[in-house]
Amino acid sequence: MELSWKKSSYSDNLGGNCVELAQLGEDVGIRDSQDPDGPKLLLAPTAFRALLADLKQQ
């Protein structure tokens, strides 16, 4: 199954460190945009929301 990976509009195109997200059913996939064939995280919706909440607090 080919996933449609999306990069944040806040990311620049200057080769910086970025993450990409993809929807897989209810879960969310996360990968490094500079290493698209590398390891990926797959998070349940509750875990993804918790991650976002934690990142917003930093």
C-alpha atoms as a PDB file:
ATOM      1  CA  MET A   1       0.000   0.000   0.000  1.00  0.00           C
ATOM      2  CA  GLU A   2       1.457   3.360  -1.085  1.00  0.00           C
ATOM      3  CA  LEU A   3       1.012   6.074   1.551  1.00  0.00           C
ATOM      4  CA  SER A   4       0.577   9.759   0.805  1.00  0.00           C
ATOM      5  CA  TRP A   5       3.168  11.484   2.997  1.00  0.00           C
ATOM      6  CA  LYS A   6       2.618  15.171   3.831  1.00  0.00           C
ATOM      7  CA  LYS A   7       5.110  17.738   5.080  1.00  0.00           C
ATOM      8  CA  SER A   8       4.025  20.720   7.167  1.00  0.00           C
ATOM      9  CA  SER A   9       3.585  24.024   5.367  1.00  0.00           C
ATOM     10  CA  TYR A  10       5.828  25.448   8.130  1.00  0.00           C
ATOM     11  CA  SER A  11       8.712  23.414   6.692  1.00  0.00           C
ATOM     12  CA  ASP A  12      11.029  25.200   4.322  1.00  0.00           C
ATOM     13  CA  ASN A  13      12.570  23.763   1.184  1.00  0.00           C
ATOM     14  CA  LEU A  14      16.129  24.549   2.254  1.00  0.00           C
ATOM     15  CA  GLY A  15      16.967  21.009   3.337  1.00  0.00           C
ATOM     16  CA  GLY A  16      16.179  21.458   7.018  1.00  0.00           C
ATOM     17  CA  ASN A  17      15.119  18.726   9.395  1.00  0.00           C
ATOM     18  CA  CYS A  18      11.472  17.919   8.746  1.00  0.00           C
ATOM     19  CA  VAL A  19       9.047  15.175   9.557  1.00  0.00           C
ATOM     20  CA  GLU A  20       6.322  13.875   7.277  1.00  0.00           C
ATOM     21  CA  LEU A  21       2.968  12.409   8.269  1.00  0.00           C
ATOM     22  CA  ALA A  22       0.709   9.861   6.590  1.00  0.00           C
ATOM     23  CA  GLN A  23      -2.732   8.550   7.512  1.00  0.00           C
ATOM     24  CA  LEU A  24      -3.008   4.758   7.745  1.00  0.00           C
ATOM     25  CA  GLY A  25      -6.542   3.918   8.726  1.00  0.00           C
ATOM     26  CA  GLU A  26      -7.028   5.596  12.098  1.00  0.00           C
ATOM     27  CA  ASP A  27      -3.290   5.612  12.847  1.00  0.00           C
ATOM     28  CA  VAL A  28      -0.688   8.230  11.918  1.00  0.00           C
ATOM     29  CA  GLY A  29       2.698   7.398  10.399  1.00  0.00           C
ATOM     30  CA  ILE A  30       5.689   9.652  11.062  1.00  0.00           C
ATOM     31  CA  ARG A  31       9.015   9.606   9.201  1.00  0.00           C
ATOM     32  CA  ASP A  32      12.115  11.738   8.639  1.00  0.00           C
ATOM     33  CA  SER A  33      11.803  13.611   5.331  1.00  0.00           C
ATOM     34  CA  GLN A  34      15.566  13.276   4.754  1.00  0.00           C
ATOM     35  CA  ASP A  35      15.417   9.475   5.162  1.00  0.00           C
ATOM     36  CA  PRO A  36      12.095   8.367   3.621  1.00  0.00           C
ATOM     37  CA  ASP A  37      13.209   4.725   3.459  1.00  0.00           C
ATOM     38  CA  GLY A  38      14.380   4.727   7.080  1.00  0.00           C
ATOM     39  CA  PRO A  39      12.456   3.785  10.216  1.00  0.00           C
ATOM     40  CA  LYS A  40       8.942   5.069  10.767  1.00  0.00           C
ATOM     41  CA  LEU A  41       6.682   5.497  13.775  1.00  0.00           C
ATOM     42  CA  LEU A  42       3.065   4.391  13.728  1.00  0.00           C
ATOM     43  CA  LEU A  43       0.954   6.040  16.415  1.00  0.00           C
ATOM     44  CA  ALA A  44      -2.613   5.474  17.498  1.00  0.00           C
ATOM     45  CA  PRO A  45      -4.750   8.647  17.480  1.00  0.00           C
ATOM     46  CA  THR A  46      -4.543   9.102  21.266  1.00  0.00           C
ATOM     47  CA  ALA A  47      -0.748   8.743  21.237  1.00  0.00           C
ATOM     48  CA  PHE A  48      -0.444  11.205  18.334  1.00  0.00           C
ATOM     49  CA  ARG A  49      -2.605  13.785  20.146  1.00  0.00           C
ATOM     50  CA  ALA A  50      -0.492  13.340  23.294  1.00  0.00           C
ATOM     51  CA  LEU A  51       2.696  13.854  21.261  1.00  0.00           C
ATOM     52  CA  LEU A  52       1.322  17.060  19.710  1.00  0.00           C
ATOM     53  CA  ALA A  53       0.204  18.383  23.097  1.00  0.00           C
ATOM     54  CA  ASP A  54       3.664  17.715  24.545  1.00  0.00           C
ATOM     55  CA  LEU A  55       5.422  19.401  21.609  1.00  0.00           C
ATOM     56  CA  LYS A  56       3.198  22.484  21.895  1.00  0.00           C
ATOM     57  CA  GLN A  57       4.222  22.874  25.553  1.00  0.00           C
ATOM     58  CA  GLN A  58       7.934  22.964  24.706  1.00  0.00           C
END
